[in-house]
Amino acid sequence: MVCPKCGSRDVRISPSGKYVCNSCGYSWQMPMADLGWARRIFNIEKLYEEFKDVRPIDCARMKGEMVKRGASEGDAAKIVRRIARRAIRMTNDKNEREALAAIIDGC
């Protein structure tokens, strides 16, 4: 870490969480990482776990409920398609597979 004011490498971290230059005394905030993507992925996984066993699969109703809980339209559609793909893997009935494939295409 280098002091932005004097260029010294003699920098410490204060108890308040700021960088402090030991040469000139200048202090500045630590840069905060953007973790929005991690929160989005966590929210998607949380919603998937909540909705994965809901039957029957109704794309519009499930998407609406997910949007109410804070997901975007696109994320909600991805979750519903993922749930439908899971249901296809778990069923052996040809008619049900075709119905679920139609849900995936329409959602």
PDB file of N, CA and C in Angstrom:
ATOM      1  N   MET A   1       0.850  -1.169   0.000  1.00  0.00           N
ATOM      2  CA  MET A   1       0.000   0.000   0.000  1.00  0.00           C
ATOM      3  C   MET A   1       0.895   1.231   0.000  1.00  0.00           C
ATOM      4  N   VAL A   2       0.492   2.233  -0.762  1.00  0.00           N
ATOM      5  CA  VAL A   2       1.266   3.465  -0.900  1.00  0.00           C
ATOM      6  C   VAL A   2       0.375   4.643  -0.517  1.00  0.00           C
ATOM      7  N   CYS A   3       0.927   5.589   0.208  1.00  0.00           N
ATOM      8  CA  CYS A   3       0.184   6.797   0.584  1.00  0.00           C
ATOM      9  C   CYS A   3      -0.121   7.606  -0.675  1.00  0.00           C
ATOM     10  N   PRO A   4      -1.392   7.961  -0.904  1.00  0.00           N
ATOM     11  CA  PRO A   4      -1.719   8.736  -2.101  1.00  0.00           C
ATOM     12  C   PRO A   4      -1.207  10.178  -2.037  1.00  0.00           C
ATOM     13  N   LYS A   5      -0.878  10.660  -0.849  1.00  0.00           N
ATOM     14  CA  LYS A   5      -0.424  12.048  -0.699  1.00  0.00           C
ATOM     15  C   LYS A   5       1.087  12.185  -0.898  1.00  0.00           C
ATOM     16  N   CYS A   6       1.872  11.354  -0.187  1.00  0.00           N
ATOM     17  CA  CYS A   6       3.329  11.522  -0.243  1.00  0.00           C
ATOM     18  C   CYS A   6       4.052  10.371  -0.948  1.00  0.00           C
ATOM     19  N   GLY A   7       3.387   9.252  -1.187  1.00  0.00           N
ATOM     20  CA  GLY A   7       4.011   8.127  -1.875  1.00  0.00           C
ATOM     21  C   GLY A   7       4.780   7.181  -0.970  1.00  0.00           C
ATOM     22  N   SER A   8       4.750   7.395   0.330  1.00  0.00           N
ATOM     23  CA  SER A   8       5.474   6.550   1.268  1.00  0.00           C
ATOM     24  C   SER A   8       4.801   5.175   1.372  1.00  0.00           C
ATOM     25  N   ARG A   9       5.623   4.161   1.606  1.00  0.00           N
ATOM     26  CA  ARG A   9       5.090   2.812   1.803  1.00  0.00           C
ATOM     27  C   ARG A   9       4.922   2.481   3.287  1.00  0.00           C
ATOM     28  N   ASP A  10       5.222   3.415   4.140  1.00  0.00           N
ATOM     29  CA  ASP A  10       5.110   3.233   5.589  1.00  0.00           C
ATOM     30  C   ASP A  10       3.662   3.538   5.999  1.00  0.00           C
ATOM     31  N   VAL A  11       2.793   2.550   5.830  1.00  0.00           N
ATOM     32  CA  VAL A  11       1.353   2.728   6.049  1.00  0.00           C
ATOM     33  C   VAL A  11       0.882   1.697   7.060  1.00  0.00           C
ATOM     34  N   ARG A  12      -0.026   2.111   7.932  1.00  0.00           N
ATOM     35  CA  ARG A  12      -0.620   1.192   8.905  1.00  0.00           C
ATOM     36  C   ARG A  12      -2.137   1.313   8.828  1.00  0.00           C
ATOM     37  N   ILE A  13      -2.808   0.391   9.499  1.00  0.00           N
ATOM     38  CA  ILE A  13      -4.267   0.418   9.572  1.00  0.00           C
ATOM     39  C   ILE A  13      -4.653   0.863  10.969  1.00  0.00           C
ATOM     40  N   SER A  14      -5.488   1.886  11.039  1.00  0.00           N
ATOM     41  CA  SER A  14      -5.917   2.412  12.342  1.00  0.00           C
ATOM     42  C   SER A  14      -7.030   1.537  12.914  1.00  0.00           C
ATOM     43  N   PRO A  15      -7.307   1.648  14.216  1.00  0.00           N
ATOM     44  CA  PRO A  15      -8.399   0.878  14.825  1.00  0.00           C
ATOM     45  C   PRO A  15      -9.773   1.202  14.229  1.00  0.00           C
ATOM     46  N   SER A  16      -9.912   2.380  13.626  1.00  0.00           N
ATOM     47  CA  SER A  16     -11.198   2.748  13.020  1.00  0.00           C
ATOM     48  C   SER A  16     -11.367   2.168  11.624  1.00  0.00           C
ATOM     49  N   GLY A  17     -10.353   1.462  11.119  1.00  0.00           N
ATOM     50  CA  GLY A  17     -10.453   0.819   9.815  1.00  0.00           C
ATOM     51  C   GLY A  17      -9.983   1.684   8.662  1.00  0.00           C
ATOM     52  N   LYS A  18      -9.194   2.690   8.921  1.00  0.00           N
ATOM     53  CA  LYS A  18      -8.654   3.545   7.867  1.00  0.00           C
ATOM     54  C   LYS A  18      -7.172   3.260   7.703  1.00  0.00           C
ATOM     55  N   TYR A  19      -6.661   3.551   6.487  1.00  0.00           N
ATOM     56  CA  TYR A  19      -5.224   3.533   6.275  1.00  0.00           C
ATOM     57  C   TYR A  19      -4.658   4.844   6.793  1.00  0.00           C
ATOM     58  N   VAL A  20      -3.490   4.790   7.451  1.00  0.00           N
ATOM     59  CA  VAL A  20      -2.830   5.995   7.958  1.00  0.00           C
ATOM     60  C   VAL A  20      -1.359   5.930   7.549  1.00  0.00           C
ATOM     61  N   CYS A  21      -0.892   7.016   6.939  1.00  0.00           N
ATOM     62  CA  CYS A  21       0.513   7.110   6.548  1.00  0.00           C
ATOM     63  C   CYS A  21       1.323   7.505   7.776  1.00  0.00           C
ATOM     64  N   ASN A  22       2.361   6.730   8.090  1.00  0.00           N
ATOM     65  CA  ASN A  22       3.210   7.044   9.239  1.00  0.00           C
ATOM     66  C   ASN A  22       4.165   8.197   8.942  1.00  0.00           C
ATOM     67  N   SER A  23       4.386   8.513   7.665  1.00  0.00           N
ATOM     68  CA  SER A  23       5.302   9.601   7.305  1.00  0.00           C
ATOM     69  C   SER A  23       4.629  10.968   7.389  1.00  0.00           C
ATOM     70  N   CYS A  24       3.481  11.118   6.722  1.00  0.00           N
ATOM     71  CA  CYS A  24       2.847  12.441   6.668  1.00  0.00           C
ATOM     72  C   CYS A  24       1.574  12.534   7.505  1.00  0.00           C
ATOM     73  N   GLY A  25       1.048  11.410   7.999  1.00  0.00           N
ATOM     74  CA  GLY A  25      -0.146  11.423   8.839  1.00  0.00           C
ATOM     75  C   GLY A  25      -1.457  11.421   8.082  1.00  0.00           C
ATOM     76  N   TYR A  26      -1.398  11.378   6.763  1.00  0.00           N
ATOM     77  CA  TYR A  26      -2.616  11.374   5.949  1.00  0.00           C
ATOM     78  C   TYR A  26      -3.386  10.067   6.177  1.00  0.00           C
ATOM     79  N   SER A  27      -4.722  10.156   6.258  1.00  0.00           N
ATOM     80  CA  SER A  27      -5.540   8.944   6.426  1.00  0.00           C
ATOM     81  C   SER A  27      -6.598   8.901   5.334  1.00  0.00           C
ATOM     82  N   TRP A  28      -6.940   7.682   4.906  1.00  0.00           N
ATOM     83  CA  TRP A  28      -7.956   7.503   3.875  1.00  0.00           C
ATOM     84  C   TRP A  28      -8.690   6.195   4.106  1.00  0.00           C
ATOM     85  N   GLN A  29      -9.897   6.122   3.562  1.00  0.00           N
ATOM     86  CA  GLN A  29     -10.751   4.948   3.744  1.00  0.00           C
ATOM     87  C   GLN A  29     -10.221   3.760   2.954  1.00  0.00           C
ATOM     88  N   MET A  30     -10.468   2.576   3.484  1.00  0.00           N
ATOM     89  CA  MET A  30     -10.169   1.361   2.738  1.00  0.00           C
ATOM     90  C   MET A  30     -11.197   1.229   1.620  1.00  0.00           C
ATOM     91  N   PRO A  31     -10.780   0.819   0.439  1.00  0.00           N
ATOM     92  CA  PRO A  31     -11.764   0.620  -0.628  1.00  0.00           C
ATOM     93  C   PRO A  31     -12.647  -0.583  -0.295  1.00  0.00           C
ATOM     94  N   MET A  32     -13.929  -0.411  -0.482  1.00  0.00           N
ATOM     95  CA  MET A  32     -14.873  -1.490  -0.194  1.00  0.00           C
ATOM     96  C   MET A  32     -15.118  -2.285  -1.471  1.00  0.00           C
ATOM     97  N   ALA A  33     -15.067  -3.576  -1.373  1.00  0.00           N
ATOM     98  CA  ALA A  33     -15.301  -4.441  -2.523  1.00  0.00           C
ATOM     99  C   ALA A  33     -16.782  -4.446  -2.868  1.00  0.00           C
ATOM    100  N   ASP A  34     -17.068  -4.515  -4.154  1.00  0.00           N
ATOM    101  CA  ASP A  34     -18.450  -4.595  -4.607  1.00  0.00           C
ATOM    102  C   ASP A  34     -18.890  -6.053  -4.528  1.00  0.00           C
ATOM    103  N   LEU A  35     -19.775  -6.354  -3.599  1.00  0.00           N
ATOM    104  CA  LEU A  35     -20.236  -7.725  -3.402  1.00  0.00           C
ATOM    105  C   LEU A  35     -21.671  -7.917  -3.865  1.00  0.00           C
ATOM    106  N   GLY A  36     -22.142  -7.037  -4.731  1.00  0.00           N
ATOM    107  CA  GLY A  36     -23.510  -7.149  -5.236  1.00  0.00           C
ATOM    108  C   GLY A  36     -23.752  -8.455  -5.968  1.00  0.00           C
ATOM    109  N   TRP A  37     -22.760  -8.914  -6.719  1.00  0.00           N
ATOM    110  CA  TRP A  37     -22.911 -10.162  -7.458  1.00  0.00           C
ATOM    111  C   TRP A  37     -23.058 -11.346  -6.503  1.00  0.00           C
ATOM    112  N   ALA A  38     -22.344 -11.319  -5.396  1.00  0.00           N
ATOM    113  CA  ALA A  38     -22.421 -12.427  -4.437  1.00  0.00           C
ATOM    114  C   ALA A  38     -23.784 -12.452  -3.755  1.00  0.00           C
ATOM    115  N   ARG A  39     -24.302 -11.266  -3.431  1.00  0.00           N
ATOM    116  CA  ARG A  39     -25.637 -11.212  -2.829  1.00  0.00           C
ATOM    117  C   ARG A  39     -26.692 -11.723  -3.801  1.00  0.00           C
ATOM    118  N   ARG A  40     -26.541 -11.388  -5.083  1.00  0.00           N
ATOM    119  CA  ARG A  40     -27.488 -11.843  -6.106  1.00  0.00           C
ATOM    120  C   ARG A  40     -27.465 -13.371  -6.224  1.00  0.00           C
ATOM    121  N   ILE A  41     -26.289 -13.957  -6.282  1.00  0.00           N
ATOM    122  CA  ILE A  41     -26.170 -15.419  -6.375  1.00  0.00           C
ATOM    123  C   ILE A  41     -26.753 -16.072  -5.128  1.00  0.00           C
ATOM    124  N   PHE A  42     -26.476 -15.522  -3.952  1.00  0.00           N
ATOM    125  CA  PHE A  42     -27.018 -16.066  -2.712  1.00  0.00           C
ATOM    126  C   PHE A  42     -28.540 -16.018  -2.730  1.00  0.00           C
ATOM    127  N   ASN A  43     -29.105 -14.902  -3.190  1.00  0.00           N
ATOM    128  CA  ASN A  43     -30.559 -14.764  -3.257  1.00  0.00           C
ATOM    129  C   ASN A  43     -31.160 -15.776  -4.232  1.00  0.00           C
ATOM    130  N   ILE A  44     -30.505 -15.991  -5.379  1.00  0.00           N
ATOM    131  CA  ILE A  44     -30.988 -16.966  -6.359  1.00  0.00           C
ATOM    132  C   ILE A  44     -30.996 -18.360  -5.747  1.00  0.00           C
ATOM    133  N   GLU A  45     -29.919 -18.739  -5.085  1.00  0.00           N
ATOM    134  CA  GLU A  45     -29.839 -20.075  -4.490  1.00  0.00           C
ATOM    135  C   GLU A  45     -30.854 -20.246  -3.366  1.00  0.00           C
ATOM    136  N   LYS A  46     -31.064 -19.202  -2.581  1.00  0.00           N
ATOM    137  CA  LYS A  46     -32.036 -19.265  -1.492  1.00  0.00           C
ATOM    138  C   LYS A  46     -33.449 -19.462  -2.046  1.00  0.00           C
ATOM    139  N   LEU A  47     -33.796 -18.717  -3.090  1.00  0.00           N
ATOM    140  CA  LEU A  47     -35.120 -18.868  -3.695  1.00  0.00           C
ATOM    141  C   LEU A  47     -35.278 -20.242  -4.337  1.00  0.00           C
ATOM    142  N   TYR A  48     -34.226 -20.738  -4.974  1.00  0.00           N
ATOM    143  CA  TYR A  48     -34.286 -22.075  -5.569  1.00  0.00           C
ATOM    144  C   TYR A  48     -34.580 -23.123  -4.502  1.00  0.00           C
ATOM    145  N   GLU A  49     -33.892 -23.041  -3.375  1.00  0.00           N
ATOM    146  CA  GLU A  49     -34.114 -24.010  -2.298  1.00  0.00           C
ATOM    147  C   GLU A  49     -35.534 -23.925  -1.750  1.00  0.00           C
ATOM    148  N   GLU A  50     -36.105 -22.721  -1.699  1.00  0.00           N
ATOM    149  CA  GLU A  50     -37.464 -22.568  -1.190  1.00  0.00           C
ATOM    150  C   GLU A  50     -38.503 -23.133  -2.150  1.00  0.00           C
ATOM    151  N   PHE A  51     -38.279 -22.985  -3.460  1.00  0.00           N
ATOM    152  CA  PHE A  51     -39.295 -23.320  -4.447  1.00  0.00           C
ATOM    153  C   PHE A  51     -39.071 -24.649  -5.156  1.00  0.00           C
ATOM    154  N   LYS A  52     -37.976 -25.342  -4.921  1.00  0.00           N
ATOM    155  CA  LYS A  52     -37.654 -26.512  -5.738  1.00  0.00           C
ATOM    156  C   LYS A  52     -38.645 -27.664  -5.606  1.00  0.00           C
ATOM    157  N   ASP A  53     -39.377 -27.754  -4.506  1.00  0.00           N
ATOM    158  CA  ASP A  53     -40.322 -28.852  -4.324  1.00  0.00           C
ATOM    159  C   ASP A  53     -41.775 -28.437  -4.519  1.00  0.00           C
ATOM    160  N   VAL A  54     -42.021 -27.211  -4.990  1.00  0.00           N
ATOM    161  CA  VAL A  54     -43.388 -26.733  -5.201  1.00  0.00           C
ATOM    162  C   VAL A  54     -43.961 -27.403  -6.444  1.00  0.00           C
ATOM    163  N   ARG A  55     -45.133 -27.985  -6.307  1.00  0.00           N
ATOM    164  CA  ARG A  55     -45.844 -28.603  -7.423  1.00  0.00           C
ATOM    165  C   ARG A  55     -47.282 -28.146  -7.385  1.00  0.00           C
ATOM    166  N   PRO A  56     -47.956 -27.956  -8.465  1.00  0.00           N
ATOM    167  CA  PRO A  56     -47.484 -28.006  -9.848  1.00  0.00           C
ATOM    168  C   PRO A  56     -46.660 -26.770 -10.182  1.00  0.00           C
ATOM    169  N   ILE A  57     -45.839 -26.911 -11.198  1.00  0.00           N
ATOM    170  CA  ILE A  57     -44.979 -25.807 -11.607  1.00  0.00           C
ATOM    171  C   ILE A  57     -45.785 -24.876 -12.504  1.00  0.00           C
ATOM    172  N   ASP A  58     -46.009 -23.664 -12.023  1.00  0.00           N
ATOM    173  CA  ASP A  58     -46.726 -22.629 -12.772  1.00  0.00           C
ATOM    174  C   ASP A  58     -45.769 -21.455 -12.922  1.00  0.00           C
ATOM    175  N   CYS A  59     -45.310 -21.235 -14.140  1.00  0.00           N
ATOM    176  CA  CYS A  59     -44.255 -20.248 -14.386  1.00  0.00           C
ATOM    177  C   CYS A  59     -44.653 -18.851 -13.910  1.00  0.00           C
ATOM    178  N   ALA A  60     -45.817 -18.379 -14.311  1.00  0.00           N
ATOM    179  CA  ALA A  60     -46.215 -17.005 -13.983  1.00  0.00           C
ATOM    180  C   ALA A  60     -46.379 -16.815 -12.478  1.00  0.00           C
ATOM    181  N   ARG A  61     -47.023 -17.765 -11.821  1.00  0.00           N
ATOM    182  CA  ARG A  61     -47.257 -17.646 -10.380  1.00  0.00           C
ATOM    183  C   ARG A  61     -45.937 -17.687  -9.606  1.00  0.00           C
ATOM    184  N   MET A  62     -45.064 -18.623  -9.975  1.00  0.00           N
ATOM    185  CA  MET A  62     -43.786 -18.746  -9.272  1.00  0.00           C
ATOM    186  C   MET A  62     -42.899 -17.525  -9.515  1.00  0.00           C
ATOM    187  N   LYS A  63     -42.874 -17.036 -10.763  1.00  0.00           N
ATOM    188  CA  LYS A  63     -42.080 -15.840 -11.052  1.00  0.00           C
ATOM    189  C   LYS A  63     -42.597 -14.643 -10.266  1.00  0.00           C
ATOM    190  N   GLY A  64     -43.919 -14.500 -10.201  1.00  0.00           N
ATOM    191  CA  GLY A  64     -44.500 -13.394  -9.444  1.00  0.00           C
ATOM    192  C   GLY A  64     -44.126 -13.444  -7.978  1.00  0.00           C
ATOM    193  N   GLU A  65     -44.171 -14.633  -7.408  1.00  0.00           N
ATOM    194  CA  GLU A  65     -43.813 -14.787  -5.990  1.00  0.00           C
ATOM    195  C   GLU A  65     -42.331 -14.481  -5.760  1.00  0.00           C
ATOM    196  N   MET A  66     -41.472 -14.909  -6.690  1.00  0.00           N
ATOM    197  CA  MET A  66     -40.041 -14.649  -6.543  1.00  0.00           C
ATOM    198  C   MET A  66     -39.723 -13.166  -6.686  1.00  0.00           C
ATOM    199  N   VAL A  67     -40.422 -12.488  -7.593  1.00  0.00           N
ATOM    200  CA  VAL A  67     -40.209 -11.048  -7.763  1.00  0.00           C
ATOM    201  C   VAL A  67     -40.636 -10.311  -6.499  1.00  0.00           C
ATOM    202  N   LYS A  68     -41.717 -10.769  -5.866  1.00  0.00           N
ATOM    203  CA  LYS A  68     -42.143 -10.166  -4.598  1.00  0.00           C
ATOM    204  C   LYS A  68     -41.070 -10.308  -3.530  1.00  0.00           C
ATOM    205  N   ARG A  69     -40.300 -11.383  -3.603  1.00  0.00           N
ATOM    206  CA  ARG A  69     -39.252 -11.645  -2.608  1.00  0.00           C
ATOM    207  C   ARG A  69     -37.913 -11.024  -2.979  1.00  0.00           C
ATOM    208  N   GLY A  70     -37.872 -10.229  -4.047  1.00  0.00           N
ATOM    209  CA  GLY A  70     -36.669  -9.463  -4.343  1.00  0.00           C
ATOM    210  C   GLY A  70     -35.849  -9.903  -5.538  1.00  0.00           C
ATOM    211  N   ALA A  71     -36.280 -10.907  -6.279  1.00  0.00           N
ATOM    212  CA  ALA A  71     -35.530 -11.344  -7.455  1.00  0.00           C
ATOM    213  C   ALA A  71     -35.954 -10.520  -8.668  1.00  0.00           C
ATOM    214  N   SER A  72     -35.067 -10.383  -9.626  1.00  0.00           N
ATOM    215  CA  SER A  72     -35.427  -9.707 -10.869  1.00  0.00           C
ATOM    216  C   SER A  72     -36.230 -10.672 -11.737  1.00  0.00           C
ATOM    217  N   GLU A  73     -36.882 -10.137 -12.774  1.00  0.00           N
ATOM    218  CA  GLU A  73     -37.676 -10.983 -13.675  1.00  0.00           C
ATOM    219  C   GLU A  73     -36.807 -12.057 -14.323  1.00  0.00           C
ATOM    220  N   GLY A  74     -35.628 -11.666 -14.791  1.00  0.00           N
ATOM    221  CA  GLY A  74     -34.736 -12.615 -15.448  1.00  0.00           C
ATOM    222  C   GLY A  74     -34.249 -13.708 -14.512  1.00  0.00           C
ATOM    223  N   ASP A  75     -33.880 -13.320 -13.294  1.00  0.00           N
ATOM    224  CA  ASP A  75     -33.422 -14.312 -12.316  1.00  0.00           C
ATOM    225  C   ASP A  75     -34.548 -15.264 -11.943  1.00  0.00           C
ATOM    226  N   ALA A  76     -35.767 -14.732 -11.790  1.00  0.00           N
ATOM    227  CA  ALA A  76     -36.909 -15.579 -11.443  1.00  0.00           C
ATOM    228  C   ALA A  76     -37.189 -16.577 -12.559  1.00  0.00           C
ATOM    229  N   ALA A  77     -37.095 -16.136 -13.811  1.00  0.00           N
ATOM    230  CA  ALA A  77     -37.318 -17.047 -14.938  1.00  0.00           C
ATOM    231  C   ALA A  77     -36.255 -18.144 -14.964  1.00  0.00           C
ATOM    232  N   LYS A  78     -34.998 -17.785 -14.682  1.00  0.00           N
ATOM    233  CA  LYS A  78     -33.925 -18.792 -14.645  1.00  0.00           C
ATOM    234  C   LYS A  78     -34.186 -19.825 -13.553  1.00  0.00           C
ATOM    235  N   ILE A  79     -34.661 -19.372 -12.412  1.00  0.00           N
ATOM    236  CA  ILE A  79     -34.930 -20.291 -11.301  1.00  0.00           C
ATOM    237  C   ILE A  79     -36.059 -21.244 -11.667  1.00  0.00           C
ATOM    238  N   VAL A  80     -37.132 -20.725 -12.274  1.00  0.00           N
ATOM    239  CA  VAL A  80     -38.262 -21.583 -12.654  1.00  0.00           C
ATOM    240  C   VAL A  80     -37.821 -22.604 -13.697  1.00  0.00           C
ATOM    241  N   ARG A  81     -37.022 -22.186 -14.677  1.00  0.00           N
ATOM    242  CA  ARG A  81     -36.530 -23.140 -15.678  1.00  0.00           C
ATOM    243  C   ARG A  81     -35.655 -24.204 -15.020  1.00  0.00           C
ATOM    244  N   ARG A  82     -34.845 -23.804 -14.062  1.00  0.00           N
ATOM    245  CA  ARG A  82     -33.991 -24.764 -13.343  1.00  0.00           C
ATOM    246  C   ARG A  82     -34.838 -25.764 -12.569  1.00  0.00           C
ATOM    247  N   ILE A  83     -35.905 -25.290 -11.936  1.00  0.00           N
ATOM    248  CA  ILE A  83     -36.810 -26.177 -11.196  1.00  0.00           C
ATOM    249  C   ILE A  83     -37.494 -27.144 -12.158  1.00  0.00           C
ATOM    250  N   ALA A  84     -37.906 -26.647 -13.326  1.00  0.00           N
ATOM    251  CA  ALA A  84     -38.563 -27.514 -14.310  1.00  0.00           C
ATOM    252  C   ALA A  84     -37.586 -28.562 -14.846  1.00  0.00           C
ATOM    253  N   ARG A  85     -36.342 -28.181 -15.096  1.00  0.00           N
ATOM    254  CA  ARG A  85     -35.344 -29.165 -15.549  1.00  0.00           C
ATOM    255  C   ARG A  85     -35.122 -30.238 -14.490  1.00  0.00           C
ATOM    256  N   ARG A  86     -35.116 -29.836 -13.231  1.00  0.00           N
ATOM    257  CA  ARG A  86     -34.972 -30.801 -12.130  1.00  0.00           C
ATOM    258  C   ARG A  86     -36.154 -31.760 -12.114  1.00  0.00           C
ATOM    259  N   ALA A  87     -37.358 -31.224 -12.319  1.00  0.00           N
ATOM    260  CA  ALA A  87     -38.550 -32.071 -12.327  1.00  0.00           C
ATOM    261  C   ALA A  87     -38.515 -33.048 -13.500  1.00  0.00           C
ATOM    262  N   ILE A  88     -37.990 -32.619 -14.648  1.00  0.00           N
ATOM    263  CA  ILE A  88     -37.871 -33.518 -15.802  1.00  0.00           C
ATOM    264  C   ILE A  88     -36.948 -34.679 -15.468  1.00  0.00           C
ATOM    265  N   ARG A  89     -35.843 -34.392 -14.809  1.00  0.00           N
ATOM    266  CA  ARG A  89     -34.904 -35.462 -14.444  1.00  0.00           C
ATOM    267  C   ARG A  89     -35.516 -36.447 -13.457  1.00  0.00           C
ATOM    268  N   MET A  90     -36.461 -35.973 -12.649  1.00  0.00           N
ATOM    269  CA  MET A  90     -37.019 -36.818 -11.596  1.00  0.00           C
ATOM    270  C   MET A  90     -38.244 -37.621 -12.031  1.00  0.00           C
ATOM    271  N   THR A  91     -38.780 -37.356 -13.219  1.00  0.00           N
ATOM    272  CA  THR A  91     -39.988 -38.054 -13.639  1.00  0.00           C
ATOM    273  C   THR A  91     -39.688 -39.053 -14.752  1.00  0.00           C
ATOM    274  N   ASN A  92     -40.534 -40.075 -14.830  1.00  0.00           N
ATOM    275  CA  ASN A  92     -40.413 -41.076 -15.888  1.00  0.00           C
ATOM    276  C   ASN A  92     -41.585 -41.018 -16.855  1.00  0.00           C
ATOM    277  N   ASP A  93     -42.580 -40.193 -16.574  1.00  0.00           N
ATOM    278  CA  ASP A  93     -43.775 -40.094 -17.394  1.00  0.00           C
ATOM    279  C   ASP A  93     -43.500 -39.208 -18.609  1.00  0.00           C
ATOM    280  N   LYS A  94     -43.727 -39.751 -19.806  1.00  0.00           N
ATOM    281  CA  LYS A  94     -43.435 -39.022 -21.036  1.00  0.00           C
ATOM    282  C   LYS A  94     -44.304 -37.774 -21.172  1.00  0.00           C
ATOM    283  N   ASN A  95     -45.593 -37.876 -20.840  1.00  0.00           N
ATOM    284  CA  ASN A  95     -46.496 -36.729 -20.963  1.00  0.00           C
ATOM    285  C   ASN A  95     -46.084 -35.601 -20.012  1.00  0.00           C
ATOM    286  N   GLU A  96     -45.695 -35.973 -18.815  1.00  0.00           N
ATOM    287  CA  GLU A  96     -45.266 -34.960 -17.851  1.00  0.00           C
ATOM    288  C   GLU A  96     -43.965 -34.295 -18.307  1.00  0.00           C
ATOM    289  N   ARG A  97     -43.078 -35.075 -18.903  1.00  0.00           N
ATOM    290  CA  ARG A  97     -41.835 -34.504 -19.424  1.00  0.00           C
ATOM    291  C   ARG A  97     -42.112 -33.479 -20.519  1.00  0.00           C
ATOM    292  N   GLU A  98     -43.066 -33.811 -21.401  1.00  0.00           N
ATOM    293  CA  GLU A  98     -43.414 -32.879 -22.476  1.00  0.00           C
ATOM    294  C   GLU A  98     -44.036 -31.603 -21.918  1.00  0.00           C
ATOM    295  N   ALA A  99     -44.876 -31.740 -20.892  1.00  0.00           N
ATOM    296  CA  ALA A  99     -45.497 -30.567 -20.273  1.00  0.00           C
ATOM    297  C   ALA A  99     -44.436 -29.688 -19.610  1.00  0.00           C
ATOM    298  N   LEU A 100     -43.484 -30.313 -18.945  1.00  0.00           N
ATOM    299  CA  LEU A 100     -42.412 -29.548 -18.303  1.00  0.00           C
ATOM    300  C   LEU A 100     -41.498 -28.890 -19.339  1.00  0.00           C
ATOM    301  N   ALA A 101     -41.267 -29.575 -20.461  1.00  0.00           N
ATOM    302  CA  ALA A 101     -40.466 -28.976 -21.533  1.00  0.00           C
ATOM    303  C   ALA A 101     -41.169 -27.748 -22.104  1.00  0.00           C
ATOM    304  N   ALA A 102     -42.495 -27.804 -22.196  1.00  0.00           N
ATOM    305  CA  ALA A 102     -43.260 -26.641 -22.667  1.00  0.00           C
ATOM    306  C   ALA A 102     -43.146 -25.484 -21.675  1.00  0.00           C
ATOM    307  N   ILE A 103     -43.127 -25.796 -20.390  1.00  0.00           N
ATOM    308  CA  ILE A 103     -42.956 -24.749 -19.373  1.00  0.00           C
ATOM    309  C   ILE A 103     -41.587 -24.087 -19.525  1.00  0.00           C
ATOM    310  N   ILE A 104     -40.562 -24.895 -19.764  1.00  0.00           N
ATOM    311  CA  ILE A 104     -39.212 -24.346 -19.936  1.00  0.00           C
ATOM    312  C   ILE A 104     -39.166 -23.431 -21.157  1.00  0.00           C
ATOM    313  N   ASP A 105     -39.778 -23.869 -22.264  1.00  0.00           N
ATOM    314  CA  ASP A 105     -39.769 -23.054 -23.482  1.00  0.00           C
ATOM    315  C   ASP A 105     -40.574 -21.773 -23.322  1.00  0.00           C
ATOM    316  N   GLY A 106     -41.675 -21.838 -22.587  1.00  0.00           N
ATOM    317  CA  GLY A 106     -42.546 -20.679 -22.438  1.00  0.00           C
ATOM    318  C   GLY A 106     -42.126 -19.697 -21.369  1.00  0.00           C
ATOM    319  N   CYS A 107     -41.277 -20.107 -20.484  1.00  0.00           N
ATOM    320  CA  CYS A 107     -40.916 -19.257 -19.356  1.00  0.00           C
ATOM    321  C   CYS A 107     -39.714 -18.481 -19.663  1.00  0.00           C
TER     322      CYS A 107
END
